[in-house]
């Protein structure tokens, strides 16, 4: 599980609460708080 504020690597992540997809395009990108529901945990 990855959390907002971390840089877990370039790939697709899905919010654990609502399923919103967030795509990080670069390894340095930081996971945001979910833009749909404000949750902070993601599944790869």
C-alpha atoms as a PDB file:
ATOM      1  CA  UNK A   1       0.000   0.000   0.000  1.00  0.00           C
ATOM      2  CA  UNK A   2       1.219   3.506  -0.831  1.00  0.00           C
ATOM      3  CA  UNK A   3       0.261   6.742   0.894  1.00  0.00           C
ATOM      4  CA  UNK A   4      -0.080  10.344  -0.214  1.00  0.00           C
ATOM      5  CA  UNK A   5       3.100  12.360   0.172  1.00  0.00           C
ATOM      6  CA  UNK A   6       5.297   9.429  -0.877  1.00  0.00           C
ATOM      7  CA  UNK A   7       7.113   8.796  -4.170  1.00  0.00           C
ATOM      8  CA  UNK A   8       6.400   5.096  -4.769  1.00  0.00           C
ATOM      9  CA  UNK A   9       7.384   5.099  -8.458  1.00  0.00           C
ATOM     10  CA  UNK A  10       5.891   5.646 -11.889  1.00  0.00           C
ATOM     11  CA  UNK A  11       2.719   3.567 -12.397  1.00  0.00           C
ATOM     12  CA  UNK A  12      -1.038   3.599 -11.839  1.00  0.00           C
ATOM     13  CA  UNK A  13      -2.517   3.698  -8.339  1.00  0.00           C
ATOM     14  CA  UNK A  14      -6.108   3.341  -7.135  1.00  0.00           C
ATOM     15  CA  UNK A  15      -7.579   4.972  -4.063  1.00  0.00           C
ATOM     16  CA  UNK A  16      -8.379   2.379  -1.392  1.00  0.00           C
ATOM     17  CA  UNK A  17     -11.608   4.178  -0.471  1.00  0.00           C
ATOM     18  CA  UNK A  18     -13.260   5.216  -3.755  1.00  0.00           C
ATOM     19  CA  UNK A  19     -11.178   3.523  -6.488  1.00  0.00           C
ATOM     20  CA  UNK A  20     -10.141   6.763  -8.249  1.00  0.00           C
ATOM     21  CA  UNK A  21      -7.157   6.124 -10.501  1.00  0.00           C
ATOM     22  CA  UNK A  22      -4.078   8.335 -10.133  1.00  0.00           C
ATOM     23  CA  UNK A  23      -1.184   7.983 -12.586  1.00  0.00           C
ATOM     24  CA  UNK A  24       2.375   8.912 -11.637  1.00  0.00           C
ATOM     25  CA  UNK A  25       4.414   9.377 -14.810  1.00  0.00           C
ATOM     26  CA  UNK A  26       7.852   9.806 -13.205  1.00  0.00           C
ATOM     27  CA  UNK A  27       9.597   8.034 -10.333  1.00  0.00           C
ATOM     28  CA  UNK A  28      10.009  11.407  -8.592  1.00  0.00           C
ATOM     29  CA  UNK A  29       6.267  12.270  -8.689  1.00  0.00           C
ATOM     30  CA  UNK A  30       4.509  12.440  -5.319  1.00  0.00           C
ATOM     31  CA  UNK A  31       1.167  10.743  -4.683  1.00  0.00           C
ATOM     32  CA  UNK A  32      -1.448  13.394  -3.904  1.00  0.00           C
ATOM     33  CA  UNK A  33      -4.376  13.142  -1.540  1.00  0.00           C
ATOM     34  CA  UNK A  34      -7.144  11.485  -3.581  1.00  0.00           C
ATOM     35  CA  UNK A  35      -8.674  14.211  -5.769  1.00  0.00           C
ATOM     36  CA  UNK A  36     -12.109  12.559  -5.565  1.00  0.00           C
ATOM     37  CA  UNK A  37     -12.556  11.770  -1.863  1.00  0.00           C
ATOM     38  CA  UNK A  38      -9.516  13.076   0.054  1.00  0.00           C
ATOM     39  CA  UNK A  39      -8.339   9.629   1.195  1.00  0.00           C
ATOM     40  CA  UNK A  40      -4.581   9.063   1.580  1.00  0.00           C
ATOM     41  CA  UNK A  41      -4.041   5.341   0.871  1.00  0.00           C
ATOM     42  CA  UNK A  42      -3.585   3.754  -2.549  1.00  0.00           C
ATOM     43  CA  UNK A  43      -3.274   0.264  -3.995  1.00  0.00           C
ATOM     44  CA  UNK A  44      -0.885  -0.415  -6.900  1.00  0.00           C
END
